[in-house]
């Protein structure tokens, strides 16, 4: 909504706002004796949910090729303030991720494609194939 794009399509980066609306409002068993903060518990729940959906909807074929590109030092930054039209340019360094996004949804909309790219990257993170860092509403995917 912030970018005034049509159609408005949810992205994984939009989940960054979930913490603000959920912390202190959910009664959570803090994952037993692992002493996790509420934020860490929410992150774990989100990652597990993304991983489950990713495993169900994304063909494993070609994922290692995407991970190999990140292994060469490539970093991709995404975020909820980044216009959908910028995703095609950013993802050129990882063309297999762009192709995988087409497999998730072959739609022509830039907003749909941006959402699918974020889903593929988040799925690779959730399945522990790549790493990510978050700063000021931006998410950077890489291998550390």
N, C-alpha and C. Protein backbone atom coordinates (compact mmCIF):
# COMPACT_ATOMS: atom_id res chain seq x y z
N UNK A 1 0.82 -1.18 0.00
CA UNK A 1 0.00 0.00 0.00
C UNK A 1 0.88 1.26 0.00
N UNK A 2 1.99 1.18 0.71
CA UNK A 2 2.89 2.33 0.83
C UNK A 2 3.43 2.77 -0.52
N UNK A 3 3.62 1.83 -1.42
CA UNK A 3 4.22 2.14 -2.72
C UNK A 3 3.17 2.51 -3.78
N UNK A 4 1.91 2.41 -3.43
CA UNK A 4 0.81 2.69 -4.36
C UNK A 4 0.88 1.86 -5.63
N UNK A 5 1.30 0.62 -5.50
CA UNK A 5 1.38 -0.27 -6.66
C UNK A 5 0.05 -0.98 -6.85
N UNK A 6 -0.27 -1.26 -8.10
CA UNK A 6 -1.47 -2.01 -8.44
C UNK A 6 -1.08 -3.18 -9.30
N UNK A 7 -1.45 -4.38 -8.96
CA UNK A 7 -2.19 -4.74 -7.76
C UNK A 7 -1.30 -4.70 -6.52
N UNK A 8 -1.92 -4.55 -5.37
CA UNK A 8 -1.19 -4.61 -4.10
C UNK A 8 -0.98 -6.09 -3.78
N UNK A 9 0.26 -6.51 -3.68
CA UNK A 9 0.59 -7.91 -3.47
C UNK A 9 1.44 -8.03 -2.22
N UNK A 10 1.07 -8.92 -1.30
CA UNK A 10 1.88 -9.07 -0.08
C UNK A 10 3.23 -9.71 -0.40
N UNK A 11 4.23 -9.31 0.36
CA UNK A 11 5.58 -9.86 0.22
C UNK A 11 6.05 -10.37 1.58
N UNK A 12 7.04 -11.23 1.55
CA UNK A 12 7.64 -11.73 2.78
C UNK A 12 8.17 -10.56 3.62
N UNK A 13 8.72 -9.55 2.98
CA UNK A 13 9.27 -8.42 3.73
C UNK A 13 8.19 -7.67 4.52
N UNK A 14 6.93 -7.82 4.14
CA UNK A 14 5.84 -7.21 4.90
C UNK A 14 5.69 -7.85 6.28
N UNK A 15 6.17 -9.06 6.44
CA UNK A 15 6.07 -9.74 7.73
C UNK A 15 6.93 -9.08 8.80
N UNK A 16 7.84 -8.21 8.41
CA UNK A 16 8.65 -7.49 9.37
C UNK A 16 7.81 -6.65 10.32
N UNK A 17 6.61 -6.30 9.91
CA UNK A 17 5.71 -5.51 10.75
C UNK A 17 4.92 -6.38 11.72
N UNK A 18 5.02 -7.67 11.58
CA UNK A 18 4.30 -8.59 12.45
C UNK A 18 4.77 -8.47 13.90
N UNK A 19 6.05 -8.23 14.10
CA UNK A 19 6.58 -8.14 15.46
C UNK A 19 5.90 -7.03 16.25
N UNK A 20 5.81 -5.86 15.64
CA UNK A 20 5.24 -4.70 16.32
C UNK A 20 3.79 -4.95 16.73
N UNK A 21 3.07 -5.68 15.91
CA UNK A 21 1.66 -5.92 16.21
C UNK A 21 1.44 -7.15 17.09
N UNK A 22 2.47 -7.97 17.30
CA UNK A 22 2.29 -9.22 18.02
C UNK A 22 3.01 -9.30 19.36
N UNK A 23 4.15 -8.64 19.49
CA UNK A 23 4.91 -8.74 20.73
C UNK A 23 4.09 -8.26 21.91
N UNK A 24 4.07 -9.06 22.96
CA UNK A 24 3.32 -8.72 24.16
C UNK A 24 1.85 -9.06 24.08
N UNK A 25 1.38 -9.49 22.91
CA UNK A 25 -0.04 -9.80 22.74
C UNK A 25 -0.30 -11.29 22.63
N UNK A 26 0.75 -12.05 22.40
CA UNK A 26 0.61 -13.49 22.27
C UNK A 26 1.15 -14.17 23.52
N UNK A 27 0.43 -15.18 23.95
CA UNK A 27 0.94 -15.95 25.07
C UNK A 27 1.68 -17.14 24.47
N UNK A 28 2.99 -17.13 24.64
CA UNK A 28 3.82 -18.14 24.01
C UNK A 28 4.59 -18.94 25.05
N UNK A 29 4.64 -20.25 24.85
CA UNK A 29 5.57 -21.06 25.62
C UNK A 29 6.92 -20.78 24.96
N UNK A 30 7.83 -20.21 25.68
CA UNK A 30 9.08 -19.73 25.10
C UNK A 30 10.02 -20.86 24.67
N UNK A 31 9.46 -21.84 23.97
CA UNK A 31 10.22 -22.95 23.40
C UNK A 31 10.97 -23.71 24.50
N UNK A 32 10.27 -24.00 25.58
CA UNK A 32 10.84 -24.82 26.64
C UNK A 32 12.00 -24.16 27.35
N UNK A 33 13.08 -24.86 27.45
CA UNK A 33 14.22 -24.38 28.23
C UNK A 33 15.24 -23.61 27.39
N UNK A 34 14.95 -23.34 26.13
CA UNK A 34 15.93 -22.69 25.26
C UNK A 34 16.08 -21.19 25.51
N UNK A 35 15.25 -20.62 26.39
CA UNK A 35 15.36 -19.20 26.74
C UNK A 35 15.38 -18.28 25.53
N UNK A 36 14.38 -18.39 24.70
CA UNK A 36 14.26 -17.53 23.53
C UNK A 36 13.40 -16.33 23.87
N UNK A 37 13.71 -15.18 23.30
CA UNK A 37 12.88 -14.00 23.47
C UNK A 37 11.62 -14.15 22.63
N UNK A 38 10.62 -13.30 22.89
CA UNK A 38 9.40 -13.33 22.09
C UNK A 38 9.71 -13.11 20.62
N UNK A 39 10.59 -12.18 20.34
CA UNK A 39 10.98 -11.89 18.95
C UNK A 39 11.59 -13.13 18.30
N UNK A 40 12.46 -13.83 19.02
CA UNK A 40 13.09 -15.04 18.48
C UNK A 40 12.06 -16.14 18.24
N UNK A 41 11.10 -16.26 19.14
CA UNK A 41 10.04 -17.26 18.96
C UNK A 41 9.22 -16.94 17.72
N UNK A 42 8.83 -15.67 17.55
CA UNK A 42 8.08 -15.27 16.36
C UNK A 42 8.89 -15.52 15.09
N UNK A 43 10.17 -15.19 15.11
CA UNK A 43 11.03 -15.44 13.95
C UNK A 43 11.08 -16.94 13.62
N UNK A 44 11.17 -17.77 14.65
CA UNK A 44 11.21 -19.22 14.44
C UNK A 44 9.89 -19.73 13.86
N UNK A 45 8.78 -19.21 14.33
CA UNK A 45 7.46 -19.61 13.82
C UNK A 45 7.32 -19.20 12.36
N UNK A 46 7.70 -17.98 12.05
CA UNK A 46 7.61 -17.48 10.67
C UNK A 46 8.51 -18.31 9.75
N UNK A 47 9.75 -18.57 10.17
CA UNK A 47 10.68 -19.34 9.34
C UNK A 47 10.16 -20.76 9.11
N UNK A 48 9.60 -21.36 10.14
CA UNK A 48 9.07 -22.72 9.98
C UNK A 48 7.88 -22.73 9.02
N UNK A 49 6.98 -21.75 9.15
CA UNK A 49 5.83 -21.68 8.26
C UNK A 49 6.27 -21.48 6.80
N UNK A 50 7.21 -20.57 6.59
CA UNK A 50 7.72 -20.33 5.23
C UNK A 50 8.36 -21.60 4.69
N UNK A 51 9.16 -22.27 5.52
CA UNK A 51 9.83 -23.50 5.10
C UNK A 51 8.85 -24.59 4.69
N UNK A 52 7.76 -24.73 5.42
CA UNK A 52 6.75 -25.75 5.11
C UNK A 52 6.08 -25.44 3.78
N UNK A 53 5.66 -24.20 3.58
CA UNK A 53 4.99 -23.82 2.33
C UNK A 53 5.98 -23.90 1.17
N UNK A 54 7.21 -23.47 1.39
CA UNK A 54 8.24 -23.53 0.36
C UNK A 54 8.46 -24.97 -0.10
N UNK A 55 8.57 -25.90 0.86
CA UNK A 55 8.79 -27.30 0.51
C UNK A 55 7.61 -27.88 -0.28
N UNK A 56 6.42 -27.39 0.00
CA UNK A 56 5.24 -27.90 -0.69
C UNK A 56 5.09 -27.34 -2.11
N UNK A 57 5.47 -26.08 -2.32
CA UNK A 57 5.19 -25.42 -3.58
C UNK A 57 6.38 -25.21 -4.51
N UNK A 58 7.59 -25.37 -4.01
CA UNK A 58 8.76 -25.09 -4.84
C UNK A 58 9.52 -26.37 -5.13
N UNK A 59 9.71 -26.64 -6.41
CA UNK A 59 10.46 -27.81 -6.85
C UNK A 59 11.92 -27.65 -6.42
N UNK A 60 12.48 -28.70 -5.83
CA UNK A 60 13.86 -28.64 -5.34
C UNK A 60 14.89 -28.55 -6.47
N UNK A 61 14.50 -28.98 -7.65
CA UNK A 61 15.42 -28.95 -8.79
C UNK A 61 15.86 -27.51 -9.07
N UNK A 62 17.16 -27.29 -9.09
CA UNK A 62 17.71 -25.97 -9.40
C UNK A 62 18.03 -25.12 -8.18
N UNK A 63 17.61 -25.53 -7.01
CA UNK A 63 17.88 -24.72 -5.82
C UNK A 63 19.37 -24.65 -5.49
N UNK A 64 20.09 -25.75 -5.70
CA UNK A 64 21.52 -25.74 -5.42
C UNK A 64 22.27 -24.76 -6.32
N UNK A 65 21.80 -24.60 -7.56
CA UNK A 65 22.42 -23.62 -8.46
C UNK A 65 22.25 -22.20 -7.93
N UNK A 66 21.10 -21.92 -7.35
CA UNK A 66 20.86 -20.60 -6.76
C UNK A 66 21.79 -20.39 -5.58
N UNK A 67 21.87 -21.39 -4.71
CA UNK A 67 22.73 -21.31 -3.53
C UNK A 67 24.19 -21.13 -3.94
N UNK A 68 24.62 -21.80 -4.99
CA UNK A 68 26.01 -21.68 -5.46
C UNK A 68 26.35 -20.24 -5.84
N UNK A 69 25.41 -19.53 -6.43
CA UNK A 69 25.65 -18.13 -6.79
C UNK A 69 25.87 -17.30 -5.53
N UNK A 70 25.06 -17.52 -4.52
CA UNK A 70 25.25 -16.82 -3.25
C UNK A 70 26.59 -17.20 -2.61
N UNK A 71 27.02 -18.43 -2.84
CA UNK A 71 28.32 -18.88 -2.32
C UNK A 71 29.49 -18.13 -2.91
N UNK A 72 29.28 -17.47 -4.04
CA UNK A 72 30.34 -16.68 -4.68
C UNK A 72 30.35 -15.24 -4.19
N UNK A 73 29.59 -14.96 -3.14
CA UNK A 73 29.61 -13.63 -2.54
C UNK A 73 28.50 -12.69 -2.96
N UNK A 74 27.56 -13.17 -3.75
CA UNK A 74 26.45 -12.32 -4.17
C UNK A 74 25.53 -12.05 -2.98
N UNK A 75 25.06 -10.81 -2.89
CA UNK A 75 24.08 -10.41 -1.87
C UNK A 75 22.91 -9.78 -2.59
N UNK A 76 21.71 -10.07 -2.13
CA UNK A 76 20.50 -9.48 -2.70
C UNK A 76 19.73 -8.79 -1.57
N UNK A 77 19.44 -7.52 -1.76
CA UNK A 77 18.68 -6.77 -0.77
C UNK A 77 17.26 -6.55 -1.27
N UNK A 78 16.29 -6.86 -0.41
CA UNK A 78 14.88 -6.66 -0.72
C UNK A 78 14.24 -5.91 0.45
N UNK A 79 13.02 -5.45 0.27
CA UNK A 79 12.34 -4.77 1.36
C UNK A 79 10.99 -4.23 0.96
N UNK A 80 10.20 -3.90 1.97
CA UNK A 80 8.84 -3.45 1.70
C UNK A 80 8.78 -2.03 1.13
N UNK A 81 9.88 -1.30 1.14
CA UNK A 81 9.90 0.03 0.54
C UNK A 81 10.54 0.04 -0.86
N UNK A 82 10.96 -1.12 -1.31
CA UNK A 82 11.59 -1.25 -2.62
C UNK A 82 10.50 -1.50 -3.68
N UNK A 83 10.37 -0.63 -4.67
CA UNK A 83 9.34 -0.84 -5.69
C UNK A 83 9.54 -2.16 -6.43
N UNK A 84 8.44 -2.77 -6.79
CA UNK A 84 8.49 -4.05 -7.49
C UNK A 84 9.31 -3.98 -8.77
N UNK A 85 9.28 -2.85 -9.44
CA UNK A 85 10.00 -2.70 -10.70
C UNK A 85 11.52 -2.84 -10.52
N UNK A 86 12.03 -2.68 -9.33
CA UNK A 86 13.46 -2.77 -9.08
C UNK A 86 13.94 -4.22 -8.89
N UNK A 87 13.04 -5.15 -8.67
CA UNK A 87 13.44 -6.52 -8.39
C UNK A 87 14.11 -7.19 -9.57
N UNK A 88 13.61 -6.97 -10.77
CA UNK A 88 14.21 -7.60 -11.96
C UNK A 88 15.67 -7.22 -12.08
N UNK A 89 15.99 -5.96 -11.84
CA UNK A 89 17.38 -5.50 -11.93
C UNK A 89 18.24 -6.12 -10.84
N UNK A 90 17.74 -6.16 -9.62
CA UNK A 90 18.52 -6.68 -8.50
C UNK A 90 18.78 -8.18 -8.63
N UNK A 91 17.83 -8.88 -9.17
CA UNK A 91 17.95 -10.34 -9.19
C UNK A 91 18.74 -10.83 -10.40
N UNK A 92 19.17 -9.93 -11.29
CA UNK A 92 19.97 -10.33 -12.45
C UNK A 92 21.24 -11.08 -12.05
N UNK A 93 21.73 -10.81 -10.85
CA UNK A 93 22.94 -11.51 -10.38
C UNK A 93 22.64 -12.95 -10.01
N UNK A 94 21.36 -13.29 -9.87
CA UNK A 94 20.96 -14.65 -9.53
C UNK A 94 19.80 -15.05 -10.46
N UNK A 95 20.11 -15.24 -11.75
CA UNK A 95 19.03 -15.49 -12.71
C UNK A 95 18.19 -16.73 -12.40
N UNK A 96 18.77 -17.73 -11.79
CA UNK A 96 18.00 -18.94 -11.46
C UNK A 96 16.92 -18.64 -10.43
N UNK A 97 17.15 -17.67 -9.55
CA UNK A 97 16.12 -17.28 -8.58
C UNK A 97 14.95 -16.62 -9.29
N UNK A 98 15.25 -15.83 -10.32
CA UNK A 98 14.19 -15.20 -11.11
C UNK A 98 13.36 -16.27 -11.81
N UNK A 99 14.04 -17.27 -12.39
CA UNK A 99 13.34 -18.37 -13.06
C UNK A 99 12.49 -19.15 -12.07
N UNK A 100 13.02 -19.38 -10.87
CA UNK A 100 12.27 -20.11 -9.85
C UNK A 100 11.03 -19.33 -9.45
N UNK A 101 11.12 -18.01 -9.42
CA UNK A 101 9.95 -17.18 -9.11
C UNK A 101 8.86 -17.37 -10.15
N UNK A 102 9.23 -17.54 -11.44
CA UNK A 102 8.26 -17.80 -12.49
C UNK A 102 7.56 -19.13 -12.25
N UNK A 103 8.28 -20.10 -11.70
CA UNK A 103 7.68 -21.40 -11.40
C UNK A 103 6.64 -21.28 -10.29
N UNK A 104 6.89 -20.41 -9.32
CA UNK A 104 5.95 -20.23 -8.22
C UNK A 104 4.66 -19.62 -8.73
N UNK A 105 4.78 -18.62 -9.62
CA UNK A 105 3.61 -17.97 -10.20
C UNK A 105 4.03 -17.35 -11.53
N UNK A 106 3.49 -17.83 -12.63
CA UNK A 106 3.92 -17.31 -13.94
C UNK A 106 3.27 -15.98 -14.33
N UNK A 107 2.65 -15.30 -13.39
CA UNK A 107 1.98 -14.02 -13.69
C UNK A 107 2.95 -12.99 -14.23
N UNK A 108 2.42 -12.03 -14.97
CA UNK A 108 3.24 -11.00 -15.61
C UNK A 108 3.44 -9.76 -14.73
N UNK A 109 2.65 -9.60 -13.69
CA UNK A 109 2.71 -8.42 -12.85
C UNK A 109 4.06 -8.32 -12.13
N UNK A 110 4.65 -7.12 -12.16
CA UNK A 110 5.92 -6.91 -11.45
C UNK A 110 5.74 -7.14 -9.95
N UNK A 111 4.60 -6.76 -9.41
CA UNK A 111 4.34 -6.93 -7.98
C UNK A 111 4.26 -8.40 -7.61
N UNK A 112 3.61 -9.19 -8.43
CA UNK A 112 3.53 -10.63 -8.18
C UNK A 112 4.93 -11.24 -8.27
N UNK A 113 5.68 -10.84 -9.27
CA UNK A 113 7.02 -11.38 -9.45
C UNK A 113 7.91 -11.03 -8.26
N UNK A 114 7.84 -9.79 -7.77
CA UNK A 114 8.63 -9.37 -6.61
C UNK A 114 8.27 -10.21 -5.40
N UNK A 115 6.99 -10.46 -5.22
CA UNK A 115 6.53 -11.28 -4.10
C UNK A 115 7.09 -12.70 -4.21
N UNK A 116 7.08 -13.25 -5.40
CA UNK A 116 7.59 -14.61 -5.62
C UNK A 116 9.10 -14.69 -5.40
N UNK A 117 9.82 -13.66 -5.84
CA UNK A 117 11.27 -13.62 -5.61
C UNK A 117 11.55 -13.64 -4.12
N UNK A 118 10.85 -12.79 -3.37
CA UNK A 118 11.05 -12.77 -1.92
C UNK A 118 10.71 -14.11 -1.30
N UNK A 119 9.66 -14.76 -1.79
CA UNK A 119 9.28 -16.07 -1.27
C UNK A 119 10.38 -17.10 -1.51
N UNK A 120 10.95 -17.11 -2.70
CA UNK A 120 12.04 -18.05 -3.01
C UNK A 120 13.24 -17.79 -2.10
N UNK A 121 13.63 -16.53 -1.96
CA UNK A 121 14.77 -16.20 -1.11
C UNK A 121 14.50 -16.55 0.35
N UNK A 122 13.29 -16.23 0.83
CA UNK A 122 12.93 -16.54 2.22
C UNK A 122 12.87 -18.05 2.43
N UNK A 123 12.43 -18.78 1.41
CA UNK A 123 12.39 -20.24 1.51
C UNK A 123 13.79 -20.83 1.60
N UNK A 124 14.72 -20.28 0.84
CA UNK A 124 16.11 -20.74 0.93
C UNK A 124 16.69 -20.44 2.30
N UNK A 125 16.31 -19.30 2.87
CA UNK A 125 16.75 -18.98 4.23
C UNK A 125 16.09 -19.92 5.26
N UNK A 126 14.79 -20.12 5.13
CA UNK A 126 14.05 -20.96 6.08
C UNK A 126 14.54 -22.40 6.07
N UNK A 127 15.05 -22.85 4.93
CA UNK A 127 15.57 -24.22 4.83
C UNK A 127 17.08 -24.26 5.04
N UNK A 128 17.61 -23.15 5.55
CA UNK A 128 19.02 -23.04 5.95
C UNK A 128 20.02 -23.25 4.82
N UNK A 129 19.66 -22.77 3.63
CA UNK A 129 20.58 -22.84 2.49
C UNK A 129 21.36 -21.55 2.31
N UNK A 130 20.74 -20.41 2.68
CA UNK A 130 21.41 -19.11 2.64
C UNK A 130 21.12 -18.40 3.96
N UNK A 131 21.83 -17.32 4.22
CA UNK A 131 21.59 -16.56 5.44
C UNK A 131 20.95 -15.23 5.09
N UNK A 132 20.54 -14.51 6.13
CA UNK A 132 19.95 -13.20 5.89
C UNK A 132 20.22 -12.31 7.09
N UNK A 133 20.19 -11.02 6.81
CA UNK A 133 20.28 -10.03 7.88
C UNK A 133 19.21 -8.98 7.61
N UNK A 134 18.75 -8.34 8.67
CA UNK A 134 17.73 -7.31 8.53
C UNK A 134 18.23 -6.01 9.15
N UNK A 135 17.96 -4.92 8.45
CA UNK A 135 18.37 -3.62 8.96
C UNK A 135 17.51 -2.54 8.31
N UNK A 136 16.88 -1.74 9.12
CA UNK A 136 16.06 -0.61 8.67
C UNK A 136 15.03 -1.01 7.62
N UNK A 137 14.33 -2.12 7.84
CA UNK A 137 13.29 -2.55 6.92
C UNK A 137 13.76 -3.22 5.66
N UNK A 138 15.06 -3.41 5.53
CA UNK A 138 15.62 -4.11 4.37
C UNK A 138 16.15 -5.47 4.80
N UNK A 139 16.02 -6.44 3.94
CA UNK A 139 16.51 -7.78 4.19
C UNK A 139 17.59 -8.07 3.17
N UNK A 140 18.74 -8.52 3.64
CA UNK A 140 19.84 -8.88 2.75
C UNK A 140 20.04 -10.38 2.83
N UNK A 141 19.97 -11.06 1.68
CA UNK A 141 20.20 -12.50 1.60
C UNK A 141 21.61 -12.71 1.08
N UNK A 142 22.32 -13.66 1.68
CA UNK A 142 23.70 -13.96 1.31
C UNK A 142 24.11 -15.28 1.95
N UNK A 143 25.36 -15.63 1.79
CA UNK A 143 25.94 -16.76 2.53
C UNK A 143 27.06 -16.19 3.37
N UNK A 144 26.95 -16.42 4.67
CA UNK A 144 28.00 -15.96 5.60
C UNK A 144 28.82 -17.12 6.06
